Amino acid sequence: MLLLAAAAAGPADAFSQAVSAAQASGQQPHPDRPLWREAIMLGEQAREAQPDDPAVILQLAALYSEVDWHIRAYTAWLDYAELTGEAPD
């Protein structure tokens, strides 16, 4: 399981790996699907560990958008814009 990778890698790296695994799995992007749920959990852990890292916030916003969790996506996009002073492409 990817949680073991989180112990060896930094939070942002573990998050990126989890997103890649979920995307490659063929599972429908949804927060209730195991790999997507794990990616979300690792994303929130990365955000807590690195709250000022725009790359983490950007990837988390994109993940929430991909799984159609609209309110969390919206909040993460606002956080990204506030952090960077710009809207993402």
N, C-alpha and C. Protein backbone atom coordinates (compact mmCIF):
# COMPACT_ATOMS: atom_id res chain seq x y z
N MET A 1 0.84 -1.18 0.00
CA MET A 1 0.00 0.00 0.00
C MET A 1 0.88 1.24 0.00
N LEU A 2 0.35 2.30 -0.51
CA LEU A 2 1.12 3.53 -0.65
C LEU A 2 1.43 4.20 0.68
N LEU A 3 0.71 3.85 1.72
CA LEU A 3 1.00 4.43 3.02
C LEU A 3 2.42 4.10 3.46
N LEU A 4 2.91 2.94 3.06
CA LEU A 4 4.28 2.58 3.39
C LEU A 4 5.26 3.50 2.67
N ALA A 5 4.91 3.90 1.47
CA ALA A 5 5.76 4.84 0.73
C ALA A 5 5.82 6.18 1.44
N ALA A 6 4.75 6.56 2.11
CA ALA A 6 4.72 7.83 2.81
C ALA A 6 5.76 7.87 3.92
N ALA A 7 6.01 6.73 4.53
CA ALA A 7 7.00 6.69 5.61
C ALA A 7 8.41 6.88 5.06
N ALA A 8 8.67 6.36 3.87
CA ALA A 8 10.01 6.45 3.29
C ALA A 8 10.24 7.76 2.56
N ALA A 9 9.24 8.26 1.88
CA ALA A 9 9.36 9.48 1.09
C ALA A 9 8.82 10.66 1.90
N GLY A 10 9.11 11.85 1.43
CA GLY A 10 8.52 13.03 2.05
C GLY A 10 7.04 13.08 1.74
N PRO A 11 6.30 13.89 2.48
CA PRO A 11 4.85 13.95 2.28
C PRO A 11 4.45 14.35 0.85
N ALA A 12 5.14 15.30 0.27
CA ALA A 12 4.80 15.74 -1.08
C ALA A 12 5.08 14.64 -2.10
N ASP A 13 6.20 13.93 -1.91
CA ASP A 13 6.53 12.83 -2.83
C ASP A 13 5.53 11.68 -2.71
N ALA A 14 5.17 11.34 -1.48
CA ALA A 14 4.20 10.28 -1.27
C ALA A 14 2.85 10.66 -1.89
N PHE A 15 2.48 11.92 -1.76
CA PHE A 15 1.24 12.42 -2.35
C PHE A 15 1.28 12.28 -3.87
N SER A 16 2.36 12.73 -4.48
CA SER A 16 2.49 12.65 -5.94
C SER A 16 2.42 11.20 -6.42
N GLN A 17 3.08 10.31 -5.69
CA GLN A 17 3.05 8.89 -6.05
C GLN A 17 1.64 8.33 -5.94
N ALA A 18 0.92 8.73 -4.90
CA ALA A 18 -0.45 8.23 -4.71
C ALA A 18 -1.38 8.72 -5.82
N VAL A 19 -1.22 9.98 -6.22
CA VAL A 19 -2.05 10.51 -7.31
C VAL A 19 -1.75 9.76 -8.60
N SER A 20 -0.48 9.54 -8.88
CA SER A 20 -0.10 8.80 -10.09
C SER A 20 -0.66 7.39 -10.08
N ALA A 21 -0.60 6.73 -8.93
CA ALA A 21 -1.13 5.37 -8.82
C ALA A 21 -2.65 5.35 -9.02
N ALA A 22 -3.34 6.32 -8.45
CA ALA A 22 -4.80 6.38 -8.61
C ALA A 22 -5.16 6.63 -10.08
N GLN A 23 -4.45 7.52 -10.72
CA GLN A 23 -4.73 7.83 -12.13
C GLN A 23 -4.44 6.63 -13.02
N ALA A 24 -3.40 5.88 -12.71
CA ALA A 24 -3.02 4.73 -13.53
C ALA A 24 -3.89 3.49 -13.26
N SER A 25 -4.65 3.52 -12.17
CA SER A 25 -5.39 2.33 -11.74
C SER A 25 -6.58 2.00 -12.61
N GLY A 26 -7.11 2.98 -13.30
CA GLY A 26 -8.33 2.75 -14.06
C GLY A 26 -9.59 2.90 -13.22
N GLN A 27 -9.43 3.13 -11.91
CA GLN A 27 -10.60 3.38 -11.06
C GLN A 27 -11.23 4.71 -11.46
N GLN A 28 -12.54 4.76 -11.39
CA GLN A 28 -13.22 6.02 -11.62
C GLN A 28 -12.77 7.01 -10.55
N PRO A 29 -12.39 8.23 -10.95
CA PRO A 29 -11.98 9.23 -9.96
C PRO A 29 -13.14 9.59 -9.02
N HIS A 30 -13.05 9.15 -7.80
CA HIS A 30 -14.11 9.40 -6.82
C HIS A 30 -13.51 9.26 -5.42
N PRO A 31 -13.88 10.15 -4.50
CA PRO A 31 -13.29 10.09 -3.16
C PRO A 31 -13.58 8.81 -2.39
N ASP A 32 -14.57 8.03 -2.82
CA ASP A 32 -14.89 6.78 -2.13
C ASP A 32 -14.10 5.59 -2.66
N ARG A 33 -13.39 5.76 -3.75
CA ARG A 33 -12.57 4.68 -4.31
C ARG A 33 -11.27 4.61 -3.51
N PRO A 34 -10.80 3.40 -3.18
CA PRO A 34 -9.66 3.27 -2.26
C PRO A 34 -8.40 4.06 -2.66
N LEU A 35 -7.96 3.95 -3.89
CA LEU A 35 -6.73 4.65 -4.26
C LEU A 35 -6.91 6.16 -4.28
N TRP A 36 -8.08 6.61 -4.68
CA TRP A 36 -8.34 8.06 -4.68
C TRP A 36 -8.46 8.58 -3.25
N ARG A 37 -9.10 7.80 -2.39
CA ARG A 37 -9.23 8.18 -0.98
C ARG A 37 -7.84 8.29 -0.34
N GLU A 38 -6.97 7.35 -0.68
CA GLU A 38 -5.61 7.38 -0.14
C GLU A 38 -4.84 8.59 -0.66
N ALA A 39 -5.01 8.90 -1.93
CA ALA A 39 -4.33 10.07 -2.50
C ALA A 39 -4.81 11.35 -1.81
N ILE A 40 -6.10 11.44 -1.55
CA ILE A 40 -6.64 12.61 -0.85
C ILE A 40 -6.06 12.71 0.56
N MET A 41 -6.02 11.59 1.26
CA MET A 41 -5.48 11.59 2.61
C MET A 41 -4.01 12.03 2.61
N LEU A 42 -3.22 11.49 1.69
CA LEU A 42 -1.81 11.86 1.62
C LEU A 42 -1.65 13.31 1.18
N GLY A 43 -2.56 13.79 0.35
CA GLY A 43 -2.52 15.20 -0.04
C GLY A 43 -2.77 16.12 1.13
N GLU A 44 -3.73 15.77 1.96
CA GLU A 44 -4.00 16.58 3.15
C GLU A 44 -2.82 16.54 4.13
N GLN A 45 -2.18 15.38 4.24
CA GLN A 45 -0.99 15.28 5.10
C GLN A 45 0.15 16.14 4.55
N ALA A 46 0.32 16.13 3.23
CA ALA A 46 1.36 16.95 2.62
C ALA A 46 1.05 18.43 2.83
N ARG A 47 -0.22 18.78 2.73
CA ARG A 47 -0.62 20.17 2.94
C ARG A 47 -0.34 20.61 4.38
N GLU A 48 -0.60 19.73 5.34
CA GLU A 48 -0.32 20.05 6.74
C GLU A 48 1.18 20.19 6.98
N ALA A 49 1.96 19.33 6.33
CA ALA A 49 3.41 19.35 6.53
C ALA A 49 4.07 20.53 5.80
N GLN A 50 3.49 20.93 4.67
CA GLN A 50 4.07 21.98 3.84
C GLN A 50 2.99 22.97 3.41
N PRO A 51 2.44 23.72 4.35
CA PRO A 51 1.30 24.59 4.03
C PRO A 51 1.62 25.75 3.09
N ASP A 52 2.88 26.08 2.95
CA ASP A 52 3.28 27.19 2.08
C ASP A 52 3.89 26.72 0.76
N ASP A 53 3.74 25.45 0.43
CA ASP A 53 4.28 24.92 -0.82
C ASP A 53 3.21 24.99 -1.90
N PRO A 54 3.36 25.91 -2.86
CA PRO A 54 2.32 26.06 -3.87
C PRO A 54 2.15 24.81 -4.73
N ALA A 55 3.20 24.01 -4.91
CA ALA A 55 3.08 22.79 -5.71
C ALA A 55 2.14 21.79 -5.05
N VAL A 56 2.21 21.68 -3.73
CA VAL A 56 1.31 20.77 -3.00
C VAL A 56 -0.13 21.26 -3.11
N ILE A 57 -0.34 22.55 -2.91
CA ILE A 57 -1.70 23.11 -2.97
C ILE A 57 -2.26 22.96 -4.39
N LEU A 58 -1.43 23.21 -5.38
CA LEU A 58 -1.87 23.07 -6.78
C LEU A 58 -2.27 21.64 -7.08
N GLN A 59 -1.45 20.68 -6.67
CA GLN A 59 -1.78 19.28 -6.94
C GLN A 59 -3.03 18.85 -6.16
N LEU A 60 -3.19 19.34 -4.95
CA LEU A 60 -4.38 19.00 -4.17
C LEU A 60 -5.63 19.59 -4.82
N ALA A 61 -5.55 20.83 -5.28
CA ALA A 61 -6.69 21.45 -5.96
C ALA A 61 -7.05 20.68 -7.23
N ALA A 62 -6.04 20.27 -7.98
CA ALA A 62 -6.29 19.49 -9.19
C ALA A 62 -6.91 18.14 -8.86
N LEU A 63 -6.45 17.52 -7.78
CA LEU A 63 -7.00 16.23 -7.36
C LEU A 63 -8.46 16.37 -6.97
N TYR A 64 -8.77 17.36 -6.16
CA TYR A 64 -10.17 17.56 -5.78
C TYR A 64 -11.04 17.85 -7.01
N SER A 65 -10.50 18.57 -7.96
CA SER A 65 -11.24 18.83 -9.20
C SER A 65 -11.48 17.53 -9.96
N GLU A 66 -10.45 16.68 -10.01
CA GLU A 66 -10.55 15.43 -10.76
C GLU A 66 -11.59 14.49 -10.17
N VAL A 67 -11.71 14.48 -8.84
CA VAL A 67 -12.69 13.57 -8.21
C VAL A 67 -14.05 14.25 -8.03
N ASP A 68 -14.19 15.44 -8.57
CA ASP A 68 -15.46 16.19 -8.52
C ASP A 68 -15.90 16.53 -7.10
N TRP A 69 -14.96 16.80 -6.24
CA TRP A 69 -15.27 17.27 -4.89
C TRP A 69 -15.18 18.79 -4.95
N HIS A 70 -16.24 19.39 -5.42
CA HIS A 70 -16.23 20.78 -5.85
C HIS A 70 -15.90 21.79 -4.77
N ILE A 71 -16.47 21.66 -3.60
CA ILE A 71 -16.22 22.66 -2.56
C ILE A 71 -14.77 22.61 -2.09
N ARG A 72 -14.23 21.41 -1.98
CA ARG A 72 -12.82 21.30 -1.58
C ARG A 72 -11.90 21.79 -2.70
N ALA A 73 -12.26 21.52 -3.95
CA ALA A 73 -11.47 22.02 -5.08
C ALA A 73 -11.48 23.54 -5.08
N TYR A 74 -12.65 24.12 -4.91
CA TYR A 74 -12.78 25.57 -4.91
C TYR A 74 -11.92 26.20 -3.80
N THR A 75 -11.99 25.63 -2.62
CA THR A 75 -11.21 26.13 -1.49
C THR A 75 -9.72 26.01 -1.76
N ALA A 76 -9.30 24.88 -2.31
CA ALA A 76 -7.87 24.68 -2.60
C ALA A 76 -7.41 25.64 -3.69
N TRP A 77 -8.25 25.87 -4.71
CA TRP A 77 -7.87 26.83 -5.76
C TRP A 77 -7.76 28.24 -5.17
N LEU A 78 -8.66 28.60 -4.26
CA LEU A 78 -8.54 29.91 -3.60
C LEU A 78 -7.26 30.00 -2.78
N ASP A 79 -6.94 28.93 -2.06
CA ASP A 79 -5.70 28.90 -1.27
C ASP A 79 -4.49 29.06 -2.17
N TYR A 80 -4.51 28.39 -3.31
CA TYR A 80 -3.39 28.50 -4.26
C TYR A 80 -3.26 29.94 -4.77
N ALA A 81 -4.38 30.53 -5.15
CA ALA A 81 -4.35 31.91 -5.66
C ALA A 81 -3.85 32.88 -4.59
N GLU A 82 -4.28 32.67 -3.36
CA GLU A 82 -3.84 33.54 -2.25
C GLU A 82 -2.34 33.36 -1.98
N LEU A 83 -1.89 32.14 -2.04
CA LEU A 83 -0.48 31.84 -1.77
C LEU A 83 0.45 32.40 -2.85
N THR A 84 0.03 32.28 -4.10
CA THR A 84 0.90 32.66 -5.21
C THR A 84 0.61 34.04 -5.77
N GLY A 85 -0.58 34.55 -5.49
CA GLY A 85 -0.96 35.84 -6.05
C GLY A 85 -1.41 35.75 -7.49
N GLU A 86 -1.65 34.54 -7.96
CA GLU A 86 -2.09 34.37 -9.34
C GLU A 86 -3.06 33.20 -9.44
N ALA A 87 -3.87 33.26 -10.47
CA ALA A 87 -4.78 32.16 -10.75
C ALA A 87 -4.05 31.14 -11.60
N PRO A 88 -4.28 29.85 -11.38
CA PRO A 88 -3.61 28.82 -12.17
C PRO A 88 -4.16 28.78 -13.60
N ASP A 89 -3.37 28.20 -14.48
CA ASP A 89 -3.81 28.03 -15.87
C ASP A 89 -4.83 26.93 -15.98
